Each structure stands twice: as C-alpha cells, then as structure tokens.
Protein backbone atom coordinates (compact mmCIF):
# COMPACT_ATOMS: atom_id res chain seq x y z
CA MET A 1 -57.97 -121.91 100.50
CA SER A 2 -55.49 -123.50 98.66
CA THR A 3 -51.68 -122.50 99.27
CA SER A 4 -48.72 -122.79 96.80
CA THR A 5 -46.37 -125.16 97.34
CA GLY A 6 -44.14 -123.74 94.99
CA THR A 7 -43.28 -127.02 93.18
CA GLU A 8 -46.39 -126.30 90.44
CA GLY A 9 -44.96 -126.70 87.12
CA PRO A 10 -45.35 -124.09 83.95
CA THR A 11 -49.28 -122.78 83.66
CA ARG A 12 -50.50 -123.53 80.34
CA ARG A 13 -50.09 -120.38 79.22
CA GLU A 14 -45.88 -120.83 79.77
CA ARG A 15 -46.33 -124.18 77.99
CA LEU A 16 -48.27 -122.02 75.15
CA ARG A 17 -45.77 -119.48 74.69
CA ARG A 18 -42.56 -122.05 75.06
CA GLN A 19 -43.98 -124.36 72.39
CA THR A 20 -44.66 -121.18 70.24
CA ILE A 21 -41.18 -119.95 70.84
CA ASP A 22 -39.53 -123.36 69.66
CA GLU A 23 -41.56 -123.32 66.80
CA ILE A 24 -40.33 -119.84 65.59
CA LYS A 25 -37.15 -120.73 65.97
CA GLN A 26 -37.42 -123.89 64.23
CA ARG A 27 -39.14 -122.17 61.36
CA ALA A 28 -35.97 -119.62 61.71
CA PHE A 29 -33.33 -122.57 61.35
CA GLU A 30 -34.98 -123.81 58.12
CA LEU A 31 -35.12 -120.60 57.05
CA LEU A 32 -31.29 -120.33 57.98
CA ASP A 33 -30.38 -123.73 56.78
CA THR A 34 -31.56 -122.82 53.58
CA GLY A 35 -30.22 -119.13 52.65
CA GLY A 36 -28.18 -118.17 55.37
CA THR A 37 -28.86 -115.63 58.05
CA ASN A 38 -29.86 -112.76 55.24
CA ASP A 39 -33.32 -114.97 54.84
CA VAL A 40 -33.89 -114.46 58.58
CA SER A 41 -36.30 -111.96 59.46
CA ILE A 42 -39.15 -111.36 61.67
CA ALA A 43 -41.32 -111.13 58.32
CA SER A 44 -40.17 -114.07 56.31
CA VAL A 45 -40.45 -116.42 59.81
CA GLY A 46 -44.10 -114.91 60.62
CA LYS A 47 -45.13 -116.02 57.07
CA ALA A 48 -43.57 -119.42 57.88
CA MET A 49 -45.37 -119.55 60.71
CA GLY A 50 -48.68 -118.10 59.36
CA MET A 51 -48.43 -115.04 61.99
CA SER A 52 -47.76 -111.60 61.44
CA PRO A 53 -45.05 -109.35 62.12
CA PRO A 54 -46.61 -107.92 65.15
CA ALA A 55 -47.97 -110.97 66.38
CA LEU A 56 -44.32 -112.57 66.35
CA TYR A 57 -42.90 -109.23 68.32
CA ARG A 58 -43.97 -110.68 71.52
CA TYR A 59 -41.85 -113.41 71.48
CA PHE A 60 -38.78 -111.43 69.87
CA PRO A 61 -38.69 -107.83 70.43
CA SER A 62 -36.13 -107.51 67.05
CA ARG A 63 -34.21 -109.65 64.63
CA GLU A 64 -30.95 -109.11 66.46
CA ALA A 65 -33.21 -110.91 69.71
CA LEU A 66 -34.30 -113.82 67.39
CA LEU A 67 -30.79 -114.39 65.87
CA GLU A 68 -29.23 -113.78 69.47
CA ALA A 69 -31.86 -116.96 70.22
CA LEU A 70 -30.51 -119.25 67.44
CA VAL A 71 -26.74 -118.62 68.09
CA VAL A 72 -27.12 -119.66 71.61
CA ASP A 73 -29.24 -122.82 70.24
CA ALA A 74 -26.39 -123.52 67.86
CA TYR A 75 -23.85 -122.71 70.34
CA THR A 76 -25.56 -125.64 72.69
CA ASP A 77 -25.81 -127.87 69.76
CA LEU A 78 -22.34 -127.76 68.94
CA GLY A 79 -20.89 -128.04 72.70
CA ALA A 80 -22.94 -131.02 73.40
CA THR A 81 -21.75 -132.93 70.47
CA VAL A 82 -18.01 -132.49 71.16
CA ALA A 83 -19.29 -133.08 74.60
CA ALA A 84 -20.55 -136.29 73.75
CA ALA A 85 -17.94 -137.04 71.63
CA ALA A 86 -15.61 -136.65 74.83
CA ARG A 87 -17.73 -139.10 76.87
CA ASP A 88 -17.90 -141.62 73.87
CA GLY A 89 -13.88 -141.45 74.12
CA ALA A 90 -14.02 -142.20 78.09
CA GLY A 91 -11.51 -144.69 78.37
CA GLN A 92 -9.12 -144.19 75.82
CA ASP A 93 -6.09 -141.98 75.45
CA ALA A 94 -6.01 -138.65 75.52
CA ARG A 95 -4.79 -138.45 71.60
CA SER A 96 -7.74 -140.46 70.97
CA ARG A 97 -10.25 -138.35 72.75
CA VAL A 98 -8.92 -135.49 71.08
CA ALA A 99 -9.18 -137.23 67.95
CA LEU A 100 -12.39 -137.98 68.41
CA MET A 101 -13.39 -134.34 69.48
CA VAL A 102 -11.99 -132.92 66.49
CA GLN A 103 -14.31 -134.68 64.07
CA ALA A 104 -17.29 -134.46 65.71
CA TRP A 105 -16.64 -130.70 65.50
CA ARG A 106 -16.24 -131.34 61.54
CA ARG A 107 -19.13 -133.58 61.33
CA TRP A 108 -21.61 -131.00 63.07
CA ALA A 109 -19.81 -128.14 60.58
CA LEU A 110 -20.39 -130.29 57.69
CA ALA A 111 -24.04 -131.17 58.38
CA LEU A 112 -25.11 -127.83 59.47
CA PRO A 113 -22.70 -125.22 57.39
CA ARG A 114 -24.93 -122.09 57.44
CA ARG A 115 -25.29 -122.19 61.39
CA TYR A 116 -21.53 -123.28 61.80
CA ALA A 117 -21.25 -119.59 59.68
CA MET A 118 -23.81 -117.64 61.54
CA LEU A 119 -21.42 -118.50 64.68
CA PHE A 120 -17.93 -117.86 63.06
CA SER A 121 -18.40 -115.61 59.97
CA ASP A 122 -21.83 -114.45 59.20
CA ARG A 123 -22.06 -111.79 62.22
CA SER A 124 -20.52 -108.45 62.84
CA PRO A 125 -17.44 -108.35 64.52
CA ALA A 126 -18.86 -105.98 66.66
CA GLY A 127 -21.59 -108.18 68.10
CA GLN A 128 -20.84 -109.87 71.58
CA ASP A 129 -22.00 -113.63 72.14
CA ALA A 130 -24.78 -114.06 74.81
CA PRO A 131 -23.14 -115.58 77.76
CA GLU A 132 -25.27 -118.58 77.89
CA GLY A 133 -24.17 -119.09 74.46
CA VAL A 134 -20.45 -119.17 75.42
CA ALA A 135 -20.93 -121.53 78.14
CA ALA A 136 -22.56 -123.75 76.34
CA VAL A 137 -20.23 -124.22 73.09
CA ASN A 138 -17.23 -124.34 76.14
CA GLU A 139 -18.90 -127.51 77.17
CA GLY A 140 -16.78 -129.21 74.36
CA MET A 141 -14.05 -127.20 74.86
CA LEU A 142 -13.29 -128.26 78.36
CA PRO A 143 -12.91 -131.71 77.94
CA LEU A 144 -10.78 -130.89 75.12
CA VAL A 145 -8.18 -128.64 77.05
CA ILE A 146 -8.41 -131.41 80.02
CA ALA A 147 -7.09 -134.03 77.19
CA LEU A 148 -4.64 -132.32 75.80
CA GLN A 149 -3.42 -131.14 79.63
CA GLU A 150 -2.53 -135.27 79.65
CA ILE A 151 -0.48 -134.70 76.35
CA ALA A 152 1.53 -130.97 77.10
CA SER A 153 5.18 -132.23 77.92
CA PRO A 154 6.60 -130.14 80.89
CA SER A 155 9.19 -128.73 78.44
CA SER A 156 6.03 -127.07 76.46
CA ALA A 157 4.92 -125.33 79.97
CA ASP A 158 7.52 -122.71 79.59
CA GLY A 159 5.97 -119.35 80.59
CA THR A 160 5.17 -116.94 77.60
CA PRO A 161 3.58 -113.39 77.56
CA LEU A 162 0.21 -115.28 76.80
CA ASP A 163 -0.15 -117.40 79.91
CA GLU A 164 -1.94 -115.13 81.90
CA SER A 165 -5.06 -114.32 79.69
CA LEU A 166 -5.17 -118.07 78.90
CA LEU A 167 -5.03 -118.96 82.91
CA ARG A 168 -7.86 -116.07 82.87
CA TRP A 169 -9.85 -117.51 80.07
CA GLY A 170 -9.31 -121.65 81.49
CA GLN A 171 -10.96 -120.02 84.48
CA ALA A 172 -13.89 -118.72 82.72
CA ILE A 173 -14.78 -121.89 81.38
CA GLY A 174 -14.49 -124.11 84.13
CA ALA A 175 -11.22 -125.90 84.06
CA PRO A 176 -9.61 -127.41 86.86
CA ALA A 177 -7.49 -125.61 89.30
CA ASP A 178 -4.41 -127.37 88.12
CA ILE A 179 -4.80 -126.58 84.49
CA THR A 180 -1.50 -125.33 82.93
CA PRO A 181 -1.23 -122.33 80.18
CA ALA A 182 0.86 -124.97 77.84
CA ALA A 183 -2.56 -127.16 77.99
CA LEU A 184 -4.64 -124.24 77.21
CA ARG A 185 -2.31 -122.32 74.55
CA LEU A 186 -2.74 -126.27 72.65
CA GLY A 187 -6.63 -125.91 73.37
CA VAL A 188 -6.80 -122.81 71.56
CA LEU A 189 -4.07 -123.63 68.82
CA CYS A 190 -5.90 -127.41 67.87
CA TRP A 191 -9.09 -125.07 67.86
CA SER A 192 -8.01 -122.47 65.62
CA ARG A 193 -6.12 -125.06 63.26
CA VAL A 194 -9.53 -127.22 62.99
CA HIS A 195 -11.97 -124.16 62.52
CA GLY A 196 -9.28 -123.11 59.66
CA LEU A 197 -9.46 -126.19 57.60
CA VAL A 198 -13.34 -126.86 58.01
CA SER A 199 -14.21 -123.35 56.91
CA LEU A 200 -11.94 -123.83 54.22
CA GLU A 201 -13.57 -127.22 53.37
CA ILE A 202 -17.14 -125.73 53.79
CA ALA A 203 -15.73 -123.37 50.99
CA GLY A 204 -14.85 -126.29 48.46
CA ALA A 205 -10.89 -124.86 48.75
CA PHE A 206 -10.37 -128.66 48.83
CA ASP A 207 -12.18 -129.99 46.36
CA SER A 208 -10.32 -129.12 43.21
CA MET A 209 -7.35 -130.73 44.91
CA GLY A 210 -8.81 -134.00 45.37
CA MET A 211 -7.75 -134.07 48.94
CA ASP A 212 -9.58 -135.97 51.47
CA ALA A 213 -10.33 -133.04 54.13
CA GLY A 214 -10.96 -135.42 56.82
CA LEU A 215 -7.57 -137.02 56.82
CA LEU A 216 -6.09 -133.52 56.18
CA LEU A 217 -7.46 -132.37 59.18
CA ALA A 218 -6.33 -135.79 61.15
CA GLU A 219 -2.71 -135.28 60.26
CA GLU A 220 -2.68 -131.60 61.08
CA ILE A 221 -3.99 -132.11 64.70
CA GLU A 222 -2.27 -134.80 65.18
CA ALA A 223 1.15 -133.02 64.47
CA VAL A 224 0.02 -130.31 66.46
CA VAL A 225 -0.25 -132.86 69.42
CA ASP A 226 2.89 -134.42 68.52
CA THR A 227 4.63 -131.10 68.73
CA ALA A 228 3.22 -129.95 72.05
CA GLY A 229 3.77 -133.64 73.39
CA GLY A 230 7.60 -133.00 72.52
CA ARG A 231 7.48 -135.77 69.55
CA SER A 232 8.18 -135.14 66.16
CA SER A 233 5.54 -136.16 63.62
CA GLY A 234 7.83 -138.69 62.00
CA GLY A 235 8.34 -140.16 65.67
CA ARG A 236 4.87 -141.72 65.74
CA GLY A 237 4.16 -144.83 66.46
C-alpha cells in the first residue's frame, strides 16, 4: 500500500483547472484591453472561450469575482514592474532610482491604459481591493519609500497630524522599522503626482499643448524630491 509523502505536486485535474482559469483571465484581459471593463462579462468571456456561462461559473461564481482576479493580476504586474526598475537601479543614487521607478509606472500605464483605468478609475468607490492585490502593488511602493528615506532631509521630518496614519501605512506595506513619516509622506505625494499626470496623459490632456508628458513628469517628481531634500528646483546640479 502506497503512502503519501506530502511532496506530491498538483493532480492532473488541478493542473487542468489552473490552466483553464489562466485562459479565462487571458481572454478577459483581451476583452478589457479592447473595450474596457464594460466589455468583460461572464457571457462575453464564455463566448471567447467557447464555453457556456454555466460552465464558466464553475471557475468564477460572478462577474465581480472575475474582475477581482483581473485586478489582482494587474496589481501584481504593475508592482513587479516598478520593483524590477528599482532592482535595475541598484547601485545608483536614490534620486536616480526614484526616477527609474516613476518612469516604469508611467510606461506600464501607457502600455495598458484600460487595465490602469480598471485599477484606479473604472470601479465602484465602495469597492475594496483584495489583500493580495494590495500586497502585490506595494512591492513597487516599498522600494520607492526606501529610496525616498535617503532623500528626505531632517527638516522635513517635523511632526504633522498625518504621521500616525503614515506610520500605520508604512507598517502595512512592510517598510523598515526605521522608516520616517517624512519618507512615507513623500511616497504618497510622489504617487499622487505620478498618478495625476499619467491619468491626464492617458486622457490626451497634453496633446493639444504639444507637451512631452514624460519630461513634464520627470520635472514634477524632481521638484517634489528637491523640496523634500531641502533644495530648491533652481539649485540642481
């Protein structure tokens, strides 16, 4: 009589189920990338898969569950992209690493604008992100605040009413124990500037101005970092 060693891999049924789930999400992303979240439904994905809606419900019990899976995967991809940029900048100074991470965020958003919209604008304000999705995108936020810790000047660390909530957030994303509220505040500020400018760029707001949005973003983040580091924008060099 054979005994289980506890080291067996997934069964054939489990592998097939995993493959089917991956294909469902791939087809859903194709629909999303073409027409946005409104084009993603159990019926539309089933049609693309050659499956009936009842068959698809065996893998995702609702459209909301399918969208949540897409959100987690998109957050994972975005967080990994930013984290990879941080690794690419290993050995460079903190300002250069911040610039690499910011531009990686922008490139991802421009390459996949409907996925970006799904994450940050096309969802119900009452919706809650899955914890695994939040953890995944924070893989990109964490190296950003660590780099910003090297930049924030002591004078920028004065206490503010936000410090307590900033430190709670830092703990939630796994920031080092010595992270300062100043670095966390700078991380939130940088993210809000990046998100705002990238969202405007995706919407075509800069087209009629003939402006290079990439250069605009670089200058905006450099100005934020200069201020936090106790330097004026005119004092670069």
